[in-house]
C-alpha cells in the first residue's frame, strides 16, 4: 500500500490524506450536531406541551384563560398607548407654540380682539404672582411668554403637576394678554378663575391655575 509521508532521520511519519479531511471534520462535528438536535427536540417538546396545556386550560376554563391572556397583554398595551399619547401631546404642544409665535410676529390675535381706538405699543405692563412663593412676582416681558416646568421657559414653575411646556401668554397689538393652553385635552389644563379654557383673554386680578400652581395676573398702564 502506498503511504503518504516523508522520511526523517528517526523513521517514517504519516501525513493526513487530503481526501480524508472532510470525513475527519464530519466525525468531529457529529457529537455537536447530535447535541444540537437533542436541544431542538427538547424545545419542540416543551412548546408542544405548553400549547397542549393552554388548549386544555381554555377548554376547561375559557374565562380564566381569557383573563390571564388579558393580564399578560395589558402591560404591552399600556406602554404602546402611553407612547402614542405622549407623541400626540408633544406634537400638539409644539404646534400650539409655533402658532403663538406666528401670531405674535404677525401682530394679530386668533380671535381678533378689538379694544377700540389703537393704543401705543407697550402702553401697559403686566406681571404674575405665584401664590405661596416668596419673591414670586414675575413681569411679563416680550410678546410671547412661555410658562412650564422645563428650565428653558420664560417663567418656570417647579410643581410636578405643571407640564414641561404648559401654557403661553401673548401680548397682542391691542395690549391684550391672551393665555393659551399647551397641555392638551388630556393634560392638566389651564383654568382662569376656576373655569378650564383652551384660550382666554386675561383681565387684571384673574387667577390662573396650571395644575396645582396658582398665579394671579395683574396689569396696569405705564
C-alpha atoms as a PDB file:
ATOM      1  CA  UNK A   1       0.000   0.000   0.000  1.00  0.00           C
ATOM      2  CA  UNK A   2       1.266   3.441  -0.993  1.00  0.00           C
ATOM      3  CA  UNK A   3       1.621   5.701   2.067  1.00  0.00           C
ATOM      4  CA  UNK A   4       1.756   9.499   2.018  1.00  0.00           C
ATOM      5  CA  UNK A   5       4.544  10.862   4.138  1.00  0.00           C
ATOM      6  CA  UNK A   6       8.208  11.608   4.369  1.00  0.00           C
ATOM      7  CA  UNK A   7      11.235  10.049   5.971  1.00  0.00           C
ATOM      8  CA  UNK A   8      13.013  11.712   8.854  1.00  0.00           C
ATOM      9  CA  UNK A   9      16.263  10.575  10.373  1.00  0.00           C
ATOM     10  CA  UNK A  10      14.457   8.570  13.035  1.00  0.00           C
ATOM     11  CA  UNK A  11      11.744   6.963  10.857  1.00  0.00           C
ATOM     12  CA  UNK A  12       8.555   7.326   8.840  1.00  0.00           C
ATOM     13  CA  UNK A  13       5.957   9.932   9.793  1.00  0.00           C
ATOM     14  CA  UNK A  14       2.351   9.838   8.457  1.00  0.00           C
ATOM     15  CA  UNK A  15       0.807  12.938   6.858  1.00  0.00           C
ATOM     16  CA  UNK A  16      -3.040  13.177   6.711  1.00  0.00           C
ATOM     17  CA  UNK A  17      -4.534  12.313   3.377  1.00  0.00           C
ATOM     18  CA  UNK A  18      -6.251  15.486   1.942  1.00  0.00           C
ATOM     19  CA  UNK A  19      -9.096  13.343   0.643  1.00  0.00           C
ATOM     20  CA  UNK A  20      -9.834  12.144   4.169  1.00  0.00           C
ATOM     21  CA  UNK A  21     -10.120  15.645   5.757  1.00  0.00           C
ATOM     22  CA  UNK A  22     -13.895  16.148   5.136  1.00  0.00           C
ATOM     23  CA  UNK A  23     -14.610  12.825   6.789  1.00  0.00           C
ATOM     24  CA  UNK A  24     -12.463  13.773   9.772  1.00  0.00           C
ATOM     25  CA  UNK A  25     -14.238  17.146  10.144  1.00  0.00           C
ATOM     26  CA  UNK A  26     -17.637  15.495   9.904  1.00  0.00           C
ATOM     27  CA  UNK A  27     -16.619  12.953  12.505  1.00  0.00           C
ATOM     28  CA  UNK A  28     -15.523  15.780  14.826  1.00  0.00           C
ATOM     29  CA  UNK A  29     -18.755  17.756  14.382  1.00  0.00           C
ATOM     30  CA  UNK A  30     -21.024  14.746  14.784  1.00  0.00           C
ATOM     31  CA  UNK A  31     -21.289  14.980  18.619  1.00  0.00           C
ATOM     32  CA  UNK A  32     -22.106  18.714  18.447  1.00  0.00           C
ATOM     33  CA  UNK A  33     -24.782  18.135  15.800  1.00  0.00           C
ATOM     34  CA  UNK A  34     -26.294  15.351  17.842  1.00  0.00           C
ATOM     35  CA  UNK A  35     -26.383  17.618  20.927  1.00  0.00           C
ATOM     36  CA  UNK A  36     -27.981  20.474  18.966  1.00  0.00           C
ATOM     37  CA  UNK A  37     -30.600  18.121  17.576  1.00  0.00           C
ATOM     38  CA  UNK A  38     -31.352  16.963  21.116  1.00  0.00           C
ATOM     39  CA  UNK A  39     -31.798  20.576  22.311  1.00  0.00           C
ATOM     40  CA  UNK A  40     -34.135  21.369  19.396  1.00  0.00           C
ATOM     41  CA  UNK A  41     -36.127  18.238  20.088  1.00  0.00           C
ATOM     42  CA  UNK A  42     -36.431  19.213  23.763  1.00  0.00           C
ATOM     43  CA  UNK A  43     -37.587  22.739  22.894  1.00  0.00           C
ATOM     44  CA  UNK A  44     -40.114  21.382  20.431  1.00  0.00           C
ATOM     45  CA  UNK A  45     -41.405  19.003  23.077  1.00  0.00           C
ATOM     46  CA  UNK A  46     -41.715  21.810  25.661  1.00  0.00           C
ATOM     47  CA  UNK A  47     -43.509  24.052  23.167  1.00  0.00           C
ATOM     48  CA  UNK A  48     -45.882  21.261  22.244  1.00  0.00           C
ATOM     49  CA  UNK A  49     -46.618  20.575  25.930  1.00  0.00           C
ATOM     50  CA  UNK A  50     -47.187  24.302  26.561  1.00  0.00           C
ATOM     51  CA  UNK A  51     -49.642  24.540  23.692  1.00  0.00           C
ATOM     52  CA  UNK A  52     -51.442  21.450  24.932  1.00  0.00           C
ATOM     53  CA  UNK A  53     -51.705  22.956  28.431  1.00  0.00           C
ATOM     54  CA  UNK A  54     -53.074  26.236  27.039  1.00  0.00           C
ATOM     55  CA  UNK A  55     -55.557  24.399  24.850  1.00  0.00           C
ATOM     56  CA  UNK A  56     -56.628  22.150  27.709  1.00  0.00           C
ATOM     57  CA  UNK A  57     -56.946  25.103  30.090  1.00  0.00           C
ATOM     58  CA  UNK A  58     -59.047  27.015  27.572  1.00  0.00           C
ATOM     59  CA  UNK A  59     -61.365  24.028  27.123  1.00  0.00           C
ATOM     60  CA  UNK A  60     -61.781  23.595  30.886  1.00  0.00           C
ATOM     61  CA  UNK A  61     -61.945  27.264  31.907  1.00  0.00           C
ATOM     62  CA  UNK A  62     -62.145  29.605  28.907  1.00  0.00           C
ATOM     63  CA  UNK A  63     -62.989  32.654  31.013  1.00  0.00           C
ATOM     64  CA  UNK A  64     -59.931  32.155  33.231  1.00  0.00           C
ATOM     65  CA  UNK A  65     -57.628  31.759  30.239  1.00  0.00           C
ATOM     66  CA  UNK A  66     -59.003  34.921  28.655  1.00  0.00           C
ATOM     67  CA  UNK A  67     -58.366  36.831  31.888  1.00  0.00           C
ATOM     68  CA  UNK A  68     -54.805  35.509  32.110  1.00  0.00           C
ATOM     69  CA  UNK A  69     -54.163  36.402  28.469  1.00  0.00           C
ATOM     70  CA  UNK A  70     -55.516  39.900  29.053  1.00  0.00           C
ATOM     71  CA  UNK A  71     -53.262  40.338  32.105  1.00  0.00           C
ATOM     72  CA  UNK A  72     -50.235  39.317  30.066  1.00  0.00           C
ATOM     73  CA  UNK A  73     -51.101  41.694  27.223  1.00  0.00           C
ATOM     74  CA  UNK A  74     -52.143  44.627  29.429  1.00  0.00           C
ATOM     75  CA  UNK A  75     -48.602  45.956  30.157  1.00  0.00           C
ATOM     76  CA  UNK A  76     -47.720  45.858  26.460  1.00  0.00           C
ATOM     77  CA  UNK A  77     -50.911  47.696  25.504  1.00  0.00           C
ATOM     78  CA  UNK A  78     -50.335  50.267  28.269  1.00  0.00           C
ATOM     79  CA  UNK A  79     -46.783  51.018  27.070  1.00  0.00           C
ATOM     80  CA  UNK A  80     -47.927  51.391  23.454  1.00  0.00           C
ATOM     81  CA  UNK A  81     -50.841  53.629  24.460  1.00  0.00           C
ATOM     82  CA  UNK A  82     -48.629  55.828  26.661  1.00  0.00           C
ATOM     83  CA  UNK A  83     -46.099  56.239  23.835  1.00  0.00           C
ATOM     84  CA  UNK A  84     -48.789  57.206  21.323  1.00  0.00           C
ATOM     85  CA  UNK A  85     -50.461  59.720  23.665  1.00  0.00           C
ATOM     86  CA  UNK A  86     -47.110  61.256  24.645  1.00  0.00           C
ATOM     87  CA  UNK A  87     -46.199  61.727  20.996  1.00  0.00           C
ATOM     88  CA  UNK A  88     -49.579  63.309  20.249  1.00  0.00           C
ATOM     89  CA  UNK A  89     -49.298  65.707  23.223  1.00  0.00           C
ATOM     90  CA  UNK A  90     -45.805  66.715  22.154  1.00  0.00           C
ATOM     91  CA  UNK A  91     -46.952  67.416  18.588  1.00  0.00           C
ATOM     92  CA  UNK A  92     -49.960  69.447  19.800  1.00  0.00           C
ATOM     93  CA  UNK A  93     -47.783  71.437  22.201  1.00  0.00           C
ATOM     94  CA  UNK A  94     -45.184  72.199  19.548  1.00  0.00           C
ATOM     95  CA  UNK A  95     -47.848  73.164  17.013  1.00  0.00           C
ATOM     96  CA  UNK A  96     -49.586  75.474  19.502  1.00  0.00           C
ATOM     97  CA  UNK A  97     -46.326  77.165  20.434  1.00  0.00           C
ATOM     98  CA  UNK A  98     -45.356  77.686  16.782  1.00  0.00           C
ATOM     99  CA  UNK A  99     -48.802  79.136  16.097  1.00  0.00           C
ATOM    100  CA  UNK A 100     -48.441  81.505  19.050  1.00  0.00           C
ATOM    101  CA  UNK A 101     -45.094  82.687  17.749  1.00  0.00           C
ATOM    102  CA  UNK A 102     -46.507  83.273  14.273  1.00  0.00           C
ATOM    103  CA  UNK A 103     -49.445  85.250  15.655  1.00  0.00           C
ATOM    104  CA  UNK A 104     -47.133  87.385  17.782  1.00  0.00           C
ATOM    105  CA  UNK A 105     -44.811  88.080  14.866  1.00  0.00           C
ATOM    106  CA  UNK A 106     -47.716  88.923  12.561  1.00  0.00           C
ATOM    107  CA  UNK A 107     -49.245  91.230  15.186  1.00  0.00           C
ATOM    108  CA  UNK A 108     -52.648  89.525  15.174  1.00  0.00           C
ATOM    109  CA  UNK A 109     -54.676  87.598  17.743  1.00  0.00           C
ATOM    110  CA  UNK A 110     -56.573  84.491  16.703  1.00  0.00           C
ATOM    111  CA  UNK A 111     -59.869  85.908  17.951  1.00  0.00           C
ATOM    112  CA  UNK A 112     -59.154  89.393  16.606  1.00  0.00           C
ATOM    113  CA  UNK A 113     -59.909  91.099  19.872  1.00  0.00           C
ATOM    114  CA  UNK A 114     -60.673  94.766  19.389  1.00  0.00           C
ATOM    115  CA  UNK A 115     -60.276  97.311  22.160  1.00  0.00           C
ATOM    116  CA  UNK A 116     -61.426 100.389  20.261  1.00  0.00           C
ATOM    117  CA  UNK A 117     -59.034 103.079  19.047  1.00  0.00           C
ATOM    118  CA  UNK A 118     -55.450 101.951  18.605  1.00  0.00           C
ATOM    119  CA  UNK A 119     -53.140 102.425  21.533  1.00  0.00           C
ATOM    120  CA  UNK A 120     -49.413 102.834  21.587  1.00  0.00           C
ATOM    121  CA  UNK A 121     -47.337  99.658  21.819  1.00  0.00           C
ATOM    122  CA  UNK A 122     -46.264  98.650  25.317  1.00  0.00           C
ATOM    123  CA  UNK A 123     -48.599 101.154  26.917  1.00  0.00           C
ATOM    124  CA  UNK A 124     -49.161  98.790  29.840  1.00  0.00           C
ATOM    125  CA  UNK A 125     -47.219  96.420  31.996  1.00  0.00           C
ATOM    126  CA  UNK A 126     -48.276  93.077  33.477  1.00  0.00           C
ATOM    127  CA  UNK A 127     -46.946  90.550  35.913  1.00  0.00           C
ATOM    128  CA  UNK A 128     -47.758  87.223  37.509  1.00  0.00           C
ATOM    129  CA  UNK A 129     -47.574  86.458  41.214  1.00  0.00           C
ATOM    130  CA  UNK A 130     -47.193  82.820  42.212  1.00  0.00           C
ATOM    131  CA  UNK A 131     -49.307  82.152  45.275  1.00  0.00           C
ATOM    132  CA  UNK A 132     -47.432  80.698  48.218  1.00  0.00           C
ATOM    133  CA  UNK A 133     -43.986  81.507  46.799  1.00  0.00           C
ATOM    134  CA  UNK A 134     -41.506  84.021  48.202  1.00  0.00           C
ATOM    135  CA  UNK A 135     -40.498  86.637  45.672  1.00  0.00           C
ATOM    136  CA  UNK A 136     -42.858  85.006  43.232  1.00  0.00           C
ATOM    137  CA  UNK A 137     -43.815  88.134  41.257  1.00  0.00           C
ATOM    138  CA  UNK A 138     -42.542  87.980  37.684  1.00  0.00           C
ATOM    139  CA  UNK A 139     -43.003  90.634  34.983  1.00  0.00           C
ATOM    140  CA  UNK A 140     -44.353  89.623  31.588  1.00  0.00           C
ATOM    141  CA  UNK A 141     -41.749  90.873  29.142  1.00  0.00           C
ATOM    142  CA  UNK A 142     -41.894  90.221  25.417  1.00  0.00           C
ATOM    143  CA  UNK A 143     -44.698  89.274  23.065  1.00  0.00           C
ATOM    144  CA  UNK A 144     -44.742  85.540  23.881  1.00  0.00           C
ATOM    145  CA  UNK A 145     -44.120  84.317  27.438  1.00  0.00           C
ATOM    146  CA  UNK A 146     -43.714  80.573  27.876  1.00  0.00           C
ATOM    147  CA  UNK A 147     -44.742  79.007  31.188  1.00  0.00           C
ATOM    148  CA  UNK A 148     -43.884  75.473  32.292  1.00  0.00           C
ATOM    149  CA  UNK A 149     -41.695  73.189  34.364  1.00  0.00           C
ATOM    150  CA  UNK A 150     -38.752  72.983  31.943  1.00  0.00           C
ATOM    151  CA  UNK A 151     -35.786  75.249  32.534  1.00  0.00           C
ATOM    152  CA  UNK A 152     -35.944  76.981  29.138  1.00  0.00           C
ATOM    153  CA  UNK A 153     -39.381  78.517  29.825  1.00  0.00           C
ATOM    154  CA  UNK A 154     -39.609  82.256  30.389  1.00  0.00           C
ATOM    155  CA  UNK A 155     -41.493  81.546  33.634  1.00  0.00           C
ATOM    156  CA  UNK A 156     -40.579  78.270  35.299  1.00  0.00           C
ATOM    157  CA  UNK A 157     -42.900  76.542  37.783  1.00  0.00           C
ATOM    158  CA  UNK A 158     -41.367  73.592  39.614  1.00  0.00           C
ATOM    159  CA  UNK A 159     -44.614  71.922  40.752  1.00  0.00           C
ATOM    160  CA  UNK A 160     -44.803  68.388  39.333  1.00  0.00           C
ATOM    161  CA  UNK A 161     -48.409  68.935  38.216  1.00  0.00           C
ATOM    162  CA  UNK A 162     -47.178  71.580  35.765  1.00  0.00           C
ATOM    163  CA  UNK A 163     -46.261  70.249  32.328  1.00  0.00           C
ATOM    164  CA  UNK A 164     -42.846  70.842  30.829  1.00  0.00           C
ATOM    165  CA  UNK A 165     -44.419  73.347  28.433  1.00  0.00           C
ATOM    166  CA  UNK A 166     -47.788  74.159  29.924  1.00  0.00           C
ATOM    167  CA  UNK A 167     -49.005  77.492  28.531  1.00  0.00           C
ATOM    168  CA  UNK A 168     -48.065  80.676  26.690  1.00  0.00           C
ATOM    169  CA  UNK A 169     -49.208  84.242  27.283  1.00  0.00           C
ATOM    170  CA  UNK A 170     -49.268  86.532  24.240  1.00  0.00           C
ATOM    171  CA  UNK A 171     -49.260  90.300  24.274  1.00  0.00           C
ATOM    172  CA  UNK A 172     -51.349  91.485  21.310  1.00  0.00           C
ATOM    173  CA  UNK A 173     -51.027  94.806  19.458  1.00  0.00           C
ATOM    174  CA  UNK A 174     -54.181  95.939  21.273  1.00  0.00           C
ATOM    175  CA  UNK A 175     -52.405  95.480  24.616  1.00  0.00           C
ATOM    176  CA  UNK A 176     -54.471  92.419  25.434  1.00  0.00           C
ATOM    177  CA  UNK A 177     -52.866  89.486  27.212  1.00  0.00           C
ATOM    178  CA  UNK A 178     -54.061  86.090  25.960  1.00  0.00           C
ATOM    179  CA  UNK A 179     -53.221  82.769  27.625  1.00  0.00           C
ATOM    180  CA  UNK A 180     -53.224  79.545  25.575  1.00  0.00           C
ATOM    181  CA  UNK A 181     -53.169  76.018  26.985  1.00  0.00           C
ATOM    182  CA  UNK A 182     -50.368  73.818  25.593  1.00  0.00           C
ATOM    183  CA  UNK A 183     -51.011  70.769  27.773  1.00  0.00           C
ATOM    184  CA  UNK A 184     -53.747  69.390  25.506  1.00  0.00           C
ATOM    185  CA  UNK A 185     -57.121  67.837  26.221  1.00  0.00           C
ATOM    186  CA  UNK A 186     -55.557  65.034  28.268  1.00  0.00           C
ATOM    187  CA  UNK A 187     -53.223  67.370  30.170  1.00  0.00           C
ATOM    188  CA  UNK A 188     -53.741  69.200  33.447  1.00  0.00           C
ATOM    189  CA  UNK A 189     -55.092  72.190  31.568  1.00  0.00           C
ATOM    190  CA  UNK A 190     -55.395  75.907  32.211  1.00  0.00           C
ATOM    191  CA  UNK A 191     -58.087  77.350  34.467  1.00  0.00           C
ATOM    192  CA  UNK A 192     -58.896  81.032  34.661  1.00  0.00           C
ATOM    193  CA  UNK A 193     -60.969  81.940  37.721  1.00  0.00           C
ATOM    194  CA  UNK A 194     -61.875  78.275  38.142  1.00  0.00           C
ATOM    195  CA  UNK A 195     -63.009  77.627  34.543  1.00  0.00           C
ATOM    196  CA  UNK A 196     -60.928  75.411  32.295  1.00  0.00           C
ATOM    197  CA  UNK A 197     -60.283  77.015  28.931  1.00  0.00           C
ATOM    198  CA  UNK A 198     -58.051  76.333  25.915  1.00  0.00           C
ATOM    199  CA  UNK A 199     -57.567  80.089  25.420  1.00  0.00           C
ATOM    200  CA  UNK A 200     -58.695  83.197  27.246  1.00  0.00           C
ATOM    201  CA  UNK A 201     -58.067  86.912  27.403  1.00  0.00           C
ATOM    202  CA  UNK A 202     -56.747  87.890  30.820  1.00  0.00           C
ATOM    203  CA  UNK A 203     -58.007  90.766  32.938  1.00  0.00           C
ATOM    204  CA  UNK A 204     -56.457  92.444  35.945  1.00  0.00           C
ATOM    205  CA  UNK A 205     -56.924  90.274  39.041  1.00  0.00           C
ATOM    206  CA  UNK A 206     -57.555  86.975  37.207  1.00  0.00           C
ATOM    207  CA  UNK A 207     -56.399  83.815  38.982  1.00  0.00           C
ATOM    208  CA  UNK A 208     -54.707  81.291  36.708  1.00  0.00           C
ATOM    209  CA  UNK A 209     -54.340  77.642  37.673  1.00  0.00           C
ATOM    210  CA  UNK A 210     -51.781  75.422  35.925  1.00  0.00           C
ATOM    211  CA  UNK A 211     -52.155  72.048  37.579  1.00  0.00           C
ATOM    212  CA  UNK A 212     -51.788  72.768  41.302  1.00  0.00           C
ATOM    213  CA  UNK A 213     -49.891  76.021  40.716  1.00  0.00           C
ATOM    214  CA  UNK A 214     -51.932  79.209  41.212  1.00  0.00           C
ATOM    215  CA  UNK A 215     -50.908  82.534  39.755  1.00  0.00           C
ATOM    216  CA  UNK A 216     -52.511  85.960  39.962  1.00  0.00           C
ATOM    217  CA  UNK A 217     -52.440  88.118  36.830  1.00  0.00           C
ATOM    218  CA  UNK A 218     -52.182  91.866  37.263  1.00  0.00           C
ATOM    219  CA  UNK A 219     -51.792  94.665  34.754  1.00  0.00           C
ATOM    220  CA  UNK A 220     -51.554  98.452  34.864  1.00  0.00           C
ATOM    221  CA  UNK A 221     -50.836 101.283  32.401  1.00  0.00           C
ATOM    222  CA  UNK A 222     -47.292 102.563  32.260  1.00  0.00           C
END
